[in-house]
C-alpha atoms as a PDB file:
ATOM      1  CA  UNK A   1      17.416  32.852 139.018  1.00  0.00           C
ATOM      2  CA  UNK A   2      14.952  34.124 141.670  1.00  0.00           C
ATOM      3  CA  UNK A   3      13.837  38.004 141.424  1.00  0.00           C
ATOM      4  CA  UNK A   4      15.591  38.776 144.165  1.00  0.00           C
ATOM      5  CA  UNK A   5      19.007  37.901 142.873  1.00  0.00           C
ATOM      6  CA  UNK A   6      20.503  41.342 143.560  1.00  0.00           C
ATOM      7  CA  UNK A   7      20.275  40.203 147.236  1.00  0.00           C
ATOM      8  CA  UNK A   8      21.830  36.851 146.800  1.00  0.00           C
ATOM      9  CA  UNK A   9      25.134  36.769 149.435  1.00  0.00           C
ATOM     10  CA  UNK A  10      28.602  36.315 147.002  1.00  0.00           C
ATOM     11  CA  UNK A  11      29.920  32.769 147.997  1.00  0.00           C
ATOM     12  CA  UNK A  12      33.552  33.295 146.141  1.00  0.00           C
ATOM     13  CA  UNK A  13      36.278  35.283 147.246  1.00  0.00           C
ATOM     14  CA  UNK A  14      36.617  39.127 145.640  1.00  0.00           C
ATOM     15  CA  UNK A  15      40.026  39.150 146.883  1.00  0.00           C
ATOM     16  CA  UNK A  16      43.681  38.280 145.297  1.00  0.00           C
ATOM     17  CA  UNK A  17      45.400  37.544 148.527  1.00  0.00           C
ATOM     18  CA  UNK A  18      44.886  34.447 150.965  1.00  0.00           C
ATOM     19  CA  UNK A  19      43.436  36.493 153.894  1.00  0.00           C
ATOM     20  CA  UNK A  20      39.476  36.066 153.999  1.00  0.00           C
ATOM     21  CA  UNK A  21      39.048  39.972 154.795  1.00  0.00           C
ATOM     22  CA  UNK A  22      41.243  42.761 153.611  1.00  0.00           C
ATOM     23  CA  UNK A  23      41.747  46.643 155.122  1.00  0.00           C
ATOM     24  CA  UNK A  24      41.650  49.125 152.359  1.00  0.00           C
ATOM     25  CA  UNK A  25      44.259  51.527 151.899  1.00  0.00           C
ATOM     26  CA  UNK A  26      43.765  55.191 150.866  1.00  0.00           C
ATOM     27  CA  UNK A  27      46.264  57.707 149.245  1.00  0.00           C
ATOM     28  CA  UNK A  28      46.593  61.520 148.920  1.00  0.00           C
ATOM     29  CA  UNK A  29      47.011  63.000 145.349  1.00  0.00           C
ATOM     30  CA  UNK A  30      50.600  63.801 146.233  1.00  0.00           C
ATOM     31  CA  UNK A  31      51.318  59.738 147.251  1.00  0.00           C
ATOM     32  CA  UNK A  32      49.568  58.772 143.832  1.00  0.00           C
ATOM     33  CA  UNK A  33      52.231  57.773 141.117  1.00  0.00           C
ATOM     34  CA  UNK A  34      51.676  58.667 137.130  1.00  0.00           C
ATOM     35  CA  UNK A  35      52.027  56.355 134.138  1.00  0.00           C
ATOM     36  CA  UNK A  36      54.392  57.581 131.527  1.00  0.00           C
ATOM     37  CA  UNK A  37      52.509  56.054 129.220  1.00  0.00           C
ATOM     38  CA  UNK A  38      48.764  56.682 129.741  1.00  0.00           C
ATOM     39  CA  UNK A  39      49.382  59.408 132.235  1.00  0.00           C
ATOM     40  CA  UNK A  40      47.081  58.461 134.393  1.00  0.00           C
ATOM     41  CA  UNK A  41      47.302  58.292 138.221  1.00  0.00           C
ATOM     42  CA  UNK A  42      47.778  55.038 140.198  1.00  0.00           C
ATOM     43  CA  UNK A  43      48.060  53.938 143.525  1.00  0.00           C
ATOM     44  CA  UNK A  44      51.410  53.930 145.115  1.00  0.00           C
ATOM     45  CA  UNK A  45      51.419  50.250 145.747  1.00  0.00           C
ATOM     46  CA  UNK A  46      50.944  48.602 142.057  1.00  0.00           C
ATOM     47  CA  UNK A  47      53.902  47.856 140.234  1.00  0.00           C
ATOM     48  CA  UNK A  48      52.184  48.088 136.198  1.00  0.00           C
ATOM     49  CA  UNK A  49      49.498  50.517 135.259  1.00  0.00           C
ATOM     50  CA  UNK A  50      46.092  49.914 136.570  1.00  0.00           C
ATOM     51  CA  UNK A  51      45.074  51.088 132.876  1.00  0.00           C
ATOM     52  CA  UNK A  52      47.342  50.027 129.978  1.00  0.00           C
ATOM     53  CA  UNK A  53      50.310  47.693 132.336  1.00  0.00           C
ATOM     54  CA  UNK A  54      52.864  49.490 131.709  1.00  0.00           C
ATOM     55  CA  UNK A  55      55.601  49.564 134.224  1.00  0.00           C
ATOM     56  CA  UNK A  56      55.317  52.451 136.706  1.00  0.00           C
ATOM     57  CA  UNK A  57      58.102  54.678 137.766  1.00  0.00           C
ATOM     58  CA  UNK A  58      60.056  53.870 141.100  1.00  0.00           C
ATOM     59  CA  UNK A  59      60.811  56.885 143.452  1.00  0.00           C
ATOM     60  CA  UNK A  60      62.207  57.273 146.772  1.00  0.00           C
ATOM     61  CA  UNK A  61      58.331  57.304 148.459  1.00  0.00           C
ATOM     62  CA  UNK A  62      56.990  54.435 146.700  1.00  0.00           C
ATOM     63  CA  UNK A  63      59.307  51.920 146.648  1.00  0.00           C
ATOM     64  CA  UNK A  64      58.570  51.195 150.268  1.00  0.00           C
ATOM     65  CA  UNK A  65      54.509  50.921 149.209  1.00  0.00           C
ATOM     66  CA  UNK A  66      54.897  48.751 146.340  1.00  0.00           C
ATOM     67  CA  UNK A  67      53.406  45.307 146.612  1.00  0.00           C
ATOM     68  CA  UNK A  68      53.547  42.800 144.192  1.00  0.00           C
ATOM     69  CA  UNK A  69      50.346  41.601 142.370  1.00  0.00           C
ATOM     70  CA  UNK A  70      51.245  37.927 141.983  1.00  0.00           C
ATOM     71  CA  UNK A  71      48.480  36.828 139.693  1.00  0.00           C
ATOM     72  CA  UNK A  72      47.941  33.322 138.931  1.00  0.00           C
ATOM     73  CA  UNK A  73      49.266  32.507 135.213  1.00  0.00           C
ATOM     74  CA  UNK A  74      47.743  30.702 132.844  1.00  0.00           C
ATOM     75  CA  UNK A  75      49.115  27.845 131.590  1.00  0.00           C
ATOM     76  CA  UNK A  76      51.213  29.421 128.143  1.00  0.00           C
ATOM     77  CA  UNK A  77      52.649  32.067 130.413  1.00  0.00           C
ATOM     78  CA  UNK A  78      56.077  32.382 131.501  1.00  0.00           C
ATOM     79  CA  UNK A  79      56.760  33.427 134.499  1.00  0.00           C
ATOM     80  CA  UNK A  80      59.834  34.413 136.832  1.00  0.00           C
ATOM     81  CA  UNK A  81      60.292  32.148 140.008  1.00  0.00           C
ATOM     82  CA  UNK A  82      61.447  33.783 143.458  1.00  0.00           C
ATOM     83  CA  UNK A  83      63.730  30.483 144.956  1.00  0.00           C
ATOM     84  CA  UNK A  84      64.042  30.671 148.818  1.00  0.00           C
ATOM     85  CA  UNK A  85      67.500  30.419 149.256  1.00  0.00           C
ATOM     86  CA  UNK A  86      67.923  28.962 152.924  1.00  0.00           C
ATOM     87  CA  UNK A  87      71.213  29.394 154.782  1.00  0.00           C
ATOM     88  CA  UNK A  88      72.051  27.588 157.970  1.00  0.00           C
ATOM     89  CA  UNK A  89      73.089  30.861 159.687  1.00  0.00           C
ATOM     90  CA  UNK A  90      69.496  32.183 158.960  1.00  0.00           C
ATOM     91  CA  UNK A  91      67.306  29.696 161.074  1.00  0.00           C
ATOM     92  CA  UNK A  92      64.517  30.373 158.954  1.00  0.00           C
ATOM     93  CA  UNK A  93      61.495  30.788 160.088  1.00  0.00           C
ATOM     94  CA  UNK A  94      62.953  31.238 164.092  1.00  0.00           C
ATOM     95  CA  UNK A  95      64.339  34.052 163.199  1.00  0.00           C
ATOM     96  CA  UNK A  96      61.496  36.129 162.249  1.00  0.00           C
ATOM     97  CA  UNK A  97      59.332  38.069 164.492  1.00  0.00           C
ATOM     98  CA  UNK A  98      55.394  37.397 164.149  1.00  0.00           C
ATOM     99  CA  UNK A  99      55.247  40.505 162.467  1.00  0.00           C
ATOM    100  CA  UNK A 100      57.589  39.895 159.913  1.00  0.00           C
ATOM    101  CA  UNK A 101      56.138  36.447 159.134  1.00  0.00           C
ATOM    102  CA  UNK A 102      53.116  38.039 158.587  1.00  0.00           C
ATOM    103  CA  UNK A 103      54.275  40.921 156.162  1.00  0.00           C
ATOM    104  CA  UNK A 104      56.238  38.229 154.521  1.00  0.00           C
ATOM    105  CA  UNK A 105      53.129  36.121 153.776  1.00  0.00           C
ATOM    106  CA  UNK A 106      51.084  39.320 152.888  1.00  0.00           C
ATOM    107  CA  UNK A 107      53.624  40.234 150.197  1.00  0.00           C
ATOM    108  CA  UNK A 108      53.494  36.784 148.597  1.00  0.00           C
ATOM    109  CA  UNK A 109      49.996  36.246 148.750  1.00  0.00           C
ATOM    110  CA  UNK A 110      50.681  33.228 151.046  1.00  0.00           C
ATOM    111  CA  UNK A 111      49.020  32.343 154.139  1.00  0.00           C
ATOM    112  CA  UNK A 112      51.234  32.232 157.062  1.00  0.00           C
ATOM    113  CA  UNK A 113      50.698  28.611 157.436  1.00  0.00           C
ATOM    114  CA  UNK A 114      51.930  27.771 154.061  1.00  0.00           C
ATOM    115  CA  UNK A 115      54.844  30.272 154.713  1.00  0.00           C
ATOM    116  CA  UNK A 116      55.918  28.573 157.291  1.00  0.00           C
ATOM    117  CA  UNK A 117      55.900  25.348 155.876  1.00  0.00           C
ATOM    118  CA  UNK A 118      57.926  26.066 152.911  1.00  0.00           C
ATOM    119  CA  UNK A 119      60.453  28.002 155.385  1.00  0.00           C
ATOM    120  CA  UNK A 120      60.803  25.321 157.868  1.00  0.00           C
ATOM    121  CA  UNK A 121      62.195  22.525 155.048  1.00  0.00           C
ATOM    122  CA  UNK A 122      65.403  24.545 154.890  1.00  0.00           C
ATOM    123  CA  UNK A 123      65.079  23.875 151.091  1.00  0.00           C
ATOM    124  CA  UNK A 124      65.811  25.783 148.114  1.00  0.00           C
ATOM    125  CA  UNK A 125      61.380  26.122 147.246  1.00  0.00           C
ATOM    126  CA  UNK A 126      59.699  28.865 144.936  1.00  0.00           C
ATOM    127  CA  UNK A 127      58.211  31.678 147.277  1.00  0.00           C
ATOM    128  CA  UNK A 128      56.164  33.170 144.498  1.00  0.00           C
ATOM    129  CA  UNK A 129      55.946  33.075 140.747  1.00  0.00           C
ATOM    130  CA  UNK A 130      55.610  36.698 138.944  1.00  0.00           C
ATOM    131  CA  UNK A 131      54.750  37.676 135.316  1.00  0.00           C
ATOM    132  CA  UNK A 132      57.290  39.974 135.089  1.00  0.00           C
ATOM    133  CA  UNK A 133      61.014  40.168 135.928  1.00  0.00           C
ATOM    134  CA  UNK A 134      60.255  43.640 137.666  1.00  0.00           C
ATOM    135  CA  UNK A 135      57.423  42.238 139.992  1.00  0.00           C
ATOM    136  CA  UNK A 136      59.767  39.115 140.930  1.00  0.00           C
ATOM    137  CA  UNK A 137      62.744  42.043 141.665  1.00  0.00           C
ATOM    138  CA  UNK A 138      59.998  44.187 143.745  1.00  0.00           C
ATOM    139  CA  UNK A 139      59.523  40.269 145.644  1.00  0.00           C
ATOM    140  CA  UNK A 140      63.139  40.036 146.187  1.00  0.00           C
ATOM    141  CA  UNK A 141      63.994  43.178 147.534  1.00  0.00           C
ATOM    142  CA  UNK A 142      60.645  42.975 149.978  1.00  0.00           C
ATOM    143  CA  UNK A 143      61.651  39.992 151.383  1.00  0.00           C
ATOM    144  CA  UNK A 144      65.586  41.203 151.452  1.00  0.00           C
ATOM    145  CA  UNK A 145      64.483  43.856 153.773  1.00  0.00           C
ATOM    146  CA  UNK A 146      63.081  40.634 156.127  1.00  0.00           C
ATOM    147  CA  UNK A 147      66.020  38.887 156.125  1.00  0.00           C
ATOM    148  CA  UNK A 148      64.942  36.426 153.389  1.00  0.00           C
ATOM    149  CA  UNK A 149      67.118  35.804 150.680  1.00  0.00           C
ATOM    150  CA  UNK A 150      65.598  34.638 147.509  1.00  0.00           C
ATOM    151  CA  UNK A 151      66.856  33.884 143.947  1.00  0.00           C
ATOM    152  CA  UNK A 152      65.258  34.860 140.766  1.00  0.00           C
ATOM    153  CA  UNK A 153      64.396  32.276 138.036  1.00  0.00           C
ATOM    154  CA  UNK A 154      63.067  32.528 134.823  1.00  0.00           C
ATOM    155  CA  UNK A 155      60.771  30.027 133.402  1.00  0.00           C
ATOM    156  CA  UNK A 156      63.062  29.674 130.469  1.00  0.00           C
ATOM    157  CA  UNK A 157      66.086  29.282 132.240  1.00  0.00           C
ATOM    158  CA  UNK A 158      64.842  25.799 133.620  1.00  0.00           C
ATOM    159  CA  UNK A 159      63.887  24.862 130.046  1.00  0.00           C
ATOM    160  CA  UNK A 160      59.800  24.709 130.619  1.00  0.00           C
ATOM    161  CA  UNK A 161      59.829  26.004 126.650  1.00  0.00           C
ATOM    162  CA  UNK A 162      61.347  23.110 125.241  1.00  0.00           C
ATOM    163  CA  UNK A 163      60.196  19.919 124.835  1.00  0.00           C
ATOM    164  CA  UNK A 164      59.444  17.650 127.758  1.00  0.00           C
ATOM    165  CA  UNK A 165      61.697  14.765 129.072  1.00  0.00           C
ATOM    166  CA  UNK A 166      62.099  11.984 126.747  1.00  0.00           C
ATOM    167  CA  UNK A 167      60.186   9.176 128.108  1.00  0.00           C
ATOM    168  CA  UNK A 168      62.010   5.428 128.084  1.00  0.00           C
ATOM    169  CA  UNK A 169      60.003   2.099 127.793  1.00  0.00           C
ATOM    170  CA  UNK A 170      63.038  -0.386 128.282  1.00  0.00           C
ATOM    171  CA  UNK A 171      66.639  -0.183 128.938  1.00  0.00           C
ATOM    172  CA  UNK A 172      69.905  -2.362 128.123  1.00  0.00           C
ATOM    173  CA  UNK A 173      72.464  -2.349 130.859  1.00  0.00           C
ATOM    174  CA  UNK A 174      75.894  -3.031 130.326  1.00  0.00           C
ATOM    175  CA  UNK A 175      79.376  -2.192 132.141  1.00  0.00           C
ATOM    176  CA  UNK A 176      80.346   0.878 130.448  1.00  0.00           C
ATOM    177  CA  UNK A 177      76.973   2.495 130.208  1.00  0.00           C
ATOM    178  CA  UNK A 178      72.802   2.275 129.038  1.00  0.00           C
ATOM    179  CA  UNK A 179      70.660   2.021 125.880  1.00  0.00           C
ATOM    180  CA  UNK A 180      67.678   3.524 126.053  1.00  0.00           C
ATOM    181  CA  UNK A 181      64.491   2.934 123.939  1.00  0.00           C
ATOM    182  CA  UNK A 182      61.232   4.501 123.600  1.00  0.00           C
ATOM    183  CA  UNK A 183      59.605   2.274 121.064  1.00  0.00           C
ATOM    184  CA  UNK A 184      60.849  -1.422 119.918  1.00  0.00           C
ATOM    185  CA  UNK A 185      61.154  -0.173 116.475  1.00  0.00           C
ATOM    186  CA  UNK A 186      63.155   3.396 117.731  1.00  0.00           C
ATOM    187  CA  UNK A 187      67.085   3.503 117.866  1.00  0.00           C
ATOM    188  CA  UNK A 188      68.698   3.049 120.817  1.00  0.00           C
ATOM    189  CA  UNK A 189      70.003   6.326 122.963  1.00  0.00           C
ATOM    190  CA  UNK A 190      73.061   5.665 124.986  1.00  0.00           C
ATOM    191  CA  UNK A 191      74.389   7.330 127.717  1.00  0.00           C
ATOM    192  CA  UNK A 192      77.485   6.070 129.893  1.00  0.00           C
ATOM    193  CA  UNK A 193      77.516   5.757 133.621  1.00  0.00           C
ATOM    194  CA  UNK A 194      80.183   8.636 133.653  1.00  0.00           C
ATOM    195  CA  UNK A 195      77.426  10.941 132.607  1.00  0.00           C
ATOM    196  CA  UNK A 196      74.801  10.126 134.989  1.00  0.00           C
ATOM    197  CA  UNK A 197      74.844  13.229 137.071  1.00  0.00           C
ATOM    198  CA  UNK A 198      71.325  13.823 138.803  1.00  0.00           C
ATOM    199  CA  UNK A 199      68.835  11.350 139.296  1.00  0.00           C
ATOM    200  CA  UNK A 200      65.243  13.072 140.672  1.00  0.00           C
ATOM    201  CA  UNK A 201      62.947  10.558 142.247  1.00  0.00           C
ATOM    202  CA  UNK A 202      59.069  11.313 142.076  1.00  0.00           C
ATOM    203  CA  UNK A 203      55.372  10.607 142.423  1.00  0.00           C
ATOM    204  CA  UNK A 204      52.595  11.479 139.322  1.00  0.00           C
ATOM    205  CA  UNK A 205      49.513  11.532 141.144  1.00  0.00           C
ATOM    206  CA  UNK A 206      46.461  11.865 138.930  1.00  0.00           C
ATOM    207  CA  UNK A 207      42.831  11.818 139.835  1.00  0.00           C
ATOM    208  CA  UNK A 208      40.069  11.782 137.797  1.00  0.00           C
ATOM    209  CA  UNK A 209      36.108  12.790 138.338  1.00  0.00           C
ATOM    210  CA  UNK A 210      33.897  11.985 135.251  1.00  0.00           C
ATOM    211  CA  UNK A 211      29.990  12.874 136.159  1.00  0.00           C
ATOM    212  CA  UNK A 212      27.155  12.490 134.512  1.00  0.00           C
ATOM    213  CA  UNK A 213      24.386  15.027 134.848  1.00  0.00           C
ATOM    214  CA  UNK A 214      20.714  15.048 133.507  1.00  0.00           C
ATOM    215  CA  UNK A 215      19.523  18.594 132.492  1.00  0.00           C
ATOM    216  CA  UNK A 216      16.330  20.016 134.078  1.00  0.00           C
ATOM    217  CA  UNK A 217      14.653  23.454 134.083  1.00  0.00           C
ATOM    218  CA  UNK A 218      15.692  23.209 137.743  1.00  0.00           C
ATOM    219  CA  UNK A 219      18.758  25.358 139.031  1.00  0.00           C
ATOM    220  CA  UNK A 220      20.896  22.017 139.608  1.00  0.00           C
ATOM    221  CA  UNK A 221      21.152  18.977 137.418  1.00  0.00           C
ATOM    222  CA  UNK A 222      20.708  15.895 138.932  1.00  0.00           C
ATOM    223  CA  UNK A 223      23.378  13.410 138.812  1.00  0.00           C
ATOM    224  CA  UNK A 224      22.734  10.151 137.085  1.00  0.00           C
ATOM    225  CA  UNK A 225      26.343   8.445 137.455  1.00  0.00           C
ATOM    226  CA  UNK A 226      29.573   9.448 139.101  1.00  0.00           C
ATOM    227  CA  UNK A 227      33.038   7.837 138.840  1.00  0.00           C
ATOM    228  CA  UNK A 228      36.115   8.797 140.285  1.00  0.00           C
ATOM    229  CA  UNK A 229      39.900   7.393 139.288  1.00  0.00           C
ATOM    230  CA  UNK A 230      42.911   7.570 141.061  1.00  0.00           C
ATOM    231  CA  UNK A 231      46.500   6.749 139.949  1.00  0.00           C
ATOM    232  CA  UNK A 232      49.946   7.088 141.889  1.00  0.00           C
ATOM    233  CA  UNK A 233      52.768   6.251 139.671  1.00  0.00           C
ATOM    234  CA  UNK A 234      56.629   6.190 140.447  1.00  0.00           C
ATOM    235  CA  UNK A 235      59.151   8.284 138.626  1.00  0.00           C
ATOM    236  CA  UNK A 236      62.848   8.979 137.850  1.00  0.00           C
ATOM    237  CA  UNK A 237      64.146  11.703 136.029  1.00  0.00           C
ATOM    238  CA  UNK A 238      67.852  11.341 134.472  1.00  0.00           C
ATOM    239  CA  UNK A 239      70.184  14.249 134.047  1.00  0.00           C
ATOM    240  CA  UNK A 240      73.618  14.021 132.142  1.00  0.00           C
ATOM    241  CA  UNK A 241      76.525  16.365 132.244  1.00  0.00           C
ATOM    242  CA  UNK A 242      75.806  17.413 129.124  1.00  0.00           C
ATOM    243  CA  UNK A 243      73.272  19.668 127.614  1.00  0.00           C
ATOM    244  CA  UNK A 244      70.433  16.881 126.622  1.00  0.00           C
ATOM    245  CA  UNK A 245      66.981  16.561 126.763  1.00  0.00           C
ATOM    246  CA  UNK A 246      66.476  14.192 130.203  1.00  0.00           C
ATOM    247  CA  UNK A 247      65.077  10.621 130.111  1.00  0.00           C
ATOM    248  CA  UNK A 248      62.409  10.133 132.310  1.00  0.00           C
ATOM    249  CA  UNK A 249      60.836   6.381 133.444  1.00  0.00           C
ATOM    250  CA  UNK A 250      57.959   5.974 135.034  1.00  0.00           C
ATOM    251  CA  UNK A 251      57.094   2.375 136.552  1.00  0.00           C
ATOM    252  CA  UNK A 252      53.966   1.638 134.841  1.00  0.00           C
ATOM    253  CA  UNK A 253      54.809   2.071 131.353  1.00  0.00           C
ATOM    254  CA  UNK A 254      58.355   0.726 131.612  1.00  0.00           C
ATOM    255  CA  UNK A 255      59.652  -3.011 131.182  1.00  0.00           C
ATOM    256  CA  UNK A 256      61.489  -4.020 134.195  1.00  0.00           C
ATOM    257  CA  UNK A 257      63.425  -6.913 132.033  1.00  0.00           C
ATOM    258  CA  UNK A 258      66.696  -5.270 132.116  1.00  0.00           C
ATOM    259  CA  UNK A 259      66.716  -6.411 136.369  1.00  0.00           C
ATOM    260  CA  UNK A 260      66.810 -10.230 135.253  1.00  0.00           C
ATOM    261  CA  UNK A 261      66.749 -12.309 138.306  1.00  0.00           C
ATOM    262  CA  UNK A 262      65.868  -9.332 140.986  1.00  0.00           C
ATOM    263  CA  UNK A 263      62.714  -8.428 139.036  1.00  0.00           C
ATOM    264  CA  UNK A 264      59.788  -8.857 141.232  1.00  0.00           C
ATOM    265  CA  UNK A 265      55.627  -8.693 140.476  1.00  0.00           C
ATOM    266  CA  UNK A 266      55.305  -5.253 142.076  1.00  0.00           C
ATOM    267  CA  UNK A 267      56.163  -2.081 139.911  1.00  0.00           C
ATOM    268  CA  UNK A 268      56.970  -0.314 142.970  1.00  0.00           C
ATOM    269  CA  UNK A 269      59.524  -2.616 143.862  1.00  0.00           C
ATOM    270  CA  UNK A 270      61.006  -2.598 140.409  1.00  0.00           C
ATOM    271  CA  UNK A 271      61.495   0.874 140.299  1.00  0.00           C
ATOM    272  CA  UNK A 272      63.124   0.714 143.592  1.00  0.00           C
ATOM    273  CA  UNK A 273      65.522  -1.687 142.534  1.00  0.00           C
ATOM    274  CA  UNK A 274      66.216   0.019 139.405  1.00  0.00           C
ATOM    275  CA  UNK A 275      67.707   3.103 141.628  1.00  0.00           C
ATOM    276  CA  UNK A 276      69.539   1.157 143.439  1.00  0.00           C
ATOM    277  CA  UNK A 277      71.156  -0.260 140.364  1.00  0.00           C
ATOM    278  CA  UNK A 278      71.676   3.208 139.144  1.00  0.00           C
ATOM    279  CA  UNK A 279      73.605   4.034 142.628  1.00  0.00           C
ATOM    280  CA  UNK A 280      75.836   1.046 142.297  1.00  0.00           C
ATOM    281  CA  UNK A 281      76.598   1.770 138.863  1.00  0.00           C
ATOM    282  CA  UNK A 282      77.088   5.708 139.257  1.00  0.00           C
ATOM    283  CA  UNK A 283      78.146   6.422 142.676  1.00  0.00           C
ATOM    284  CA  UNK A 284      78.852   9.979 141.863  1.00  0.00           C
ATOM    285  CA  UNK A 285      75.707  10.808 140.816  1.00  0.00           C
ATOM    286  CA  UNK A 286      73.076  12.135 143.331  1.00  0.00           C
ATOM    287  CA  UNK A 287      70.271  11.010 143.700  1.00  0.00           C
ATOM    288  CA  UNK A 288      67.568  13.249 144.974  1.00  0.00           C
ATOM    289  CA  UNK A 289      64.504  12.316 146.661  1.00  0.00           C
ATOM    290  CA  UNK A 290      63.155  15.217 148.419  1.00  0.00           C
ATOM    291  CA  UNK A 291      60.315  16.028 146.191  1.00  0.00           C
ATOM    292  CA  UNK A 292      57.627  13.569 148.387  1.00  0.00           C
ATOM    293  CA  UNK A 293      58.436  15.844 151.191  1.00  0.00           C
ATOM    294  CA  UNK A 294      58.055  19.298 149.804  1.00  0.00           C
ATOM    295  CA  UNK A 295      54.969  18.545 147.433  1.00  0.00           C
ATOM    296  CA  UNK A 296      52.943  20.025 150.011  1.00  0.00           C
ATOM    297  CA  UNK A 297      54.645  23.009 150.343  1.00  0.00           C
ATOM    298  CA  UNK A 298      55.317  23.061 146.472  1.00  0.00           C
ATOM    299  CA  UNK A 299      51.124  23.125 145.783  1.00  0.00           C
ATOM    300  CA  UNK A 300      50.989  27.020 147.513  1.00  0.00           C
ATOM    301  CA  UNK A 301      53.135  28.159 144.826  1.00  0.00           C
ATOM    302  CA  UNK A 302      53.425  25.706 141.775  1.00  0.00           C
ATOM    303  CA  UNK A 303      49.517  23.917 142.610  1.00  0.00           C
ATOM    304  CA  UNK A 304      48.953  20.972 140.691  1.00  0.00           C
ATOM    305  CA  UNK A 305      46.802  21.562 137.480  1.00  0.00           C
ATOM    306  CA  UNK A 306      43.317  20.851 136.736  1.00  0.00           C
ATOM    307  CA  UNK A 307      41.619  20.015 133.063  1.00  0.00           C
ATOM    308  CA  UNK A 308      37.786  20.248 132.723  1.00  0.00           C
ATOM    309  CA  UNK A 309      36.300  18.915 129.756  1.00  0.00           C
ATOM    310  CA  UNK A 310      32.525  18.223 128.113  1.00  0.00           C
ATOM    311  CA  UNK A 311      31.747  15.008 127.381  1.00  0.00           C
ATOM    312  CA  UNK A 312      28.829  16.047 125.521  1.00  0.00           C
ATOM    313  CA  UNK A 313      24.973  16.010 125.203  1.00  0.00           C
ATOM    314  CA  UNK A 314      23.520  12.773 125.003  1.00  0.00           C
ATOM    315  CA  UNK A 315      19.542  11.741 124.652  1.00  0.00           C
ATOM    316  CA  UNK A 316      19.041   9.248 127.040  1.00  0.00           C
ATOM    317  CA  UNK A 317      15.009   8.909 126.134  1.00  0.00           C
ATOM    318  CA  UNK A 318      12.670  11.273 124.305  1.00  0.00           C
ATOM    319  CA  UNK A 319      12.586  14.560 125.782  1.00  0.00           C
ATOM    320  CA  UNK A 320      15.448  14.034 128.270  1.00  0.00           C
ATOM    321  CA  UNK A 321      19.030  14.655 127.829  1.00  0.00           C
ATOM    322  CA  UNK A 322      22.363  14.257 129.961  1.00  0.00           C
ATOM    323  CA  UNK A 323      25.372  15.993 129.714  1.00  0.00           C
ATOM    324  CA  UNK A 324      28.967  14.486 130.551  1.00  0.00           C
ATOM    325  CA  UNK A 325      31.751  16.167 132.098  1.00  0.00           C
ATOM    326  CA  UNK A 326      35.645  14.958 133.316  1.00  0.00           C
ATOM    327  CA  UNK A 327      37.460  17.128 135.528  1.00  0.00           C
ATOM    328  CA  UNK A 328      41.113  15.677 135.473  1.00  0.00           C
ATOM    329  CA  UNK A 329      43.969  17.206 138.720  1.00  0.00           C
ATOM    330  CA  UNK A 330      47.520  15.958 138.101  1.00  0.00           C
ATOM    331  CA  UNK A 331      50.590  17.157 139.516  1.00  0.00           C
ATOM    332  CA  UNK A 332      52.942  16.441 136.928  1.00  0.00           C
ATOM    333  CA  UNK A 333      53.827  19.790 135.548  1.00  0.00           C
ATOM    334  CA  UNK A 334      54.918  20.504 139.460  1.00  0.00           C
ATOM    335  CA  UNK A 335      56.768  17.486 139.280  1.00  0.00           C
ATOM    336  CA  UNK A 336      58.485  18.699 136.361  1.00  0.00           C
ATOM    337  CA  UNK A 337      59.493  22.337 137.392  1.00  0.00           C
ATOM    338  CA  UNK A 338      60.906  20.901 140.678  1.00  0.00           C
ATOM    339  CA  UNK A 339      62.576  18.352 138.479  1.00  0.00           C
ATOM    340  CA  UNK A 340      64.156  21.280 136.146  1.00  0.00           C
ATOM    341  CA  UNK A 341      64.936  23.284 139.119  1.00  0.00           C
ATOM    342  CA  UNK A 342      66.770  20.719 141.386  1.00  0.00           C
ATOM    343  CA  UNK A 343      69.179  19.949 137.658  1.00  0.00           C
ATOM    344  CA  UNK A 344      69.328  24.192 137.266  1.00  0.00           C
ATOM    345  CA  UNK A 345      70.489  24.449 141.190  1.00  0.00           C
ATOM    346  CA  UNK A 346      72.737  21.903 141.032  1.00  0.00           C
ATOM    347  CA  UNK A 347      74.190  23.017 137.381  1.00  0.00           C
ATOM    348  CA  UNK A 348      74.747  26.815 139.135  1.00  0.00           C
ATOM    349  CA  UNK A 349      76.617  25.256 141.977  1.00  0.00           C
ATOM    350  CA  UNK A 350      78.935  23.160 139.993  1.00  0.00           C
ATOM    351  CA  UNK A 351      79.713  26.274 138.053  1.00  0.00           C
ATOM    352  CA  UNK A 352      80.389  28.584 141.178  1.00  0.00           C
ATOM    353  CA  UNK A 353      82.756  25.277 142.116  1.00  0.00           C
ATOM    354  CA  UNK A 354      84.542  25.393 138.771  1.00  0.00           C
ATOM    355  CA  UNK A 355      85.245  29.056 138.587  1.00  0.00           C
ATOM    356  CA  UNK A 356      86.376  29.004 142.102  1.00  0.00           C
ATOM    357  CA  UNK A 357      88.970  26.583 141.301  1.00  0.00           C
END
């Protein structure tokens, strides 16, 4: 490290929000909020205590000053998702003034471009993911004042704490339904055509970068070898009209022999043919193909997961060592969230229709 390291400029953002510069706001002693647990004073913009994380009390003064923190959650943490509820009469985002759009983006910790993209699609999409129900309620309250309607959906309601979808390797198709096989040895699981309620179409994108660097006394290691791999796989998530684990068909690991003479040499064509077959046999089922158009908007709130691994040290020659690293970025968890959200919203709408009738 250089001797004048104290003067080295900071190259990373020190703010939680997306903006490059934030103005600091000061408060008087009367405006500060006392925590009921640790009795320390907190800024009125906070939802939780800065010192003990307890929920801060609300009053008429602070209710309009509080801002959600919306910190990025760890992979194991369960959050509360604020889902946009677009209405035809709202005409979002055209009915929002520039000031309202800026205020909403600031409250959601999004850039104006990201928020505009989400609103423009006119679909139920996540606007924020909060750590607590109180923080999610604050998000809903702030957006409601701007005529943006939202629904708070916990991760638990999406079934994300359960096991993932059942991966299907092969199927047998009959007039009555489908027999699904996970492995050649496992007994088949069956569902009838009239049980198939929703098919969510998506793509699993995986980018993998492998680096091999030579360790040296210098600040930066010399790259000996670098490899980059990319995969793009079409998938179908199948949901039934009864409580059960959804089925997933992935194009690259599925036996399309069930298509018979309609089977081609390309997996992309086969998955499309299989989807059309589901449409023919289960005409009542909804086929949702919105993920590909919504993927860019989802990245702002439900980003793709990045996994960093070390490949360990290796002795190349006497006195020379190399170290390997692997970085993998995948949207599988993002698509799973979106798929579960589409099924959740459909189930909610169906429940409301049944109650109304």
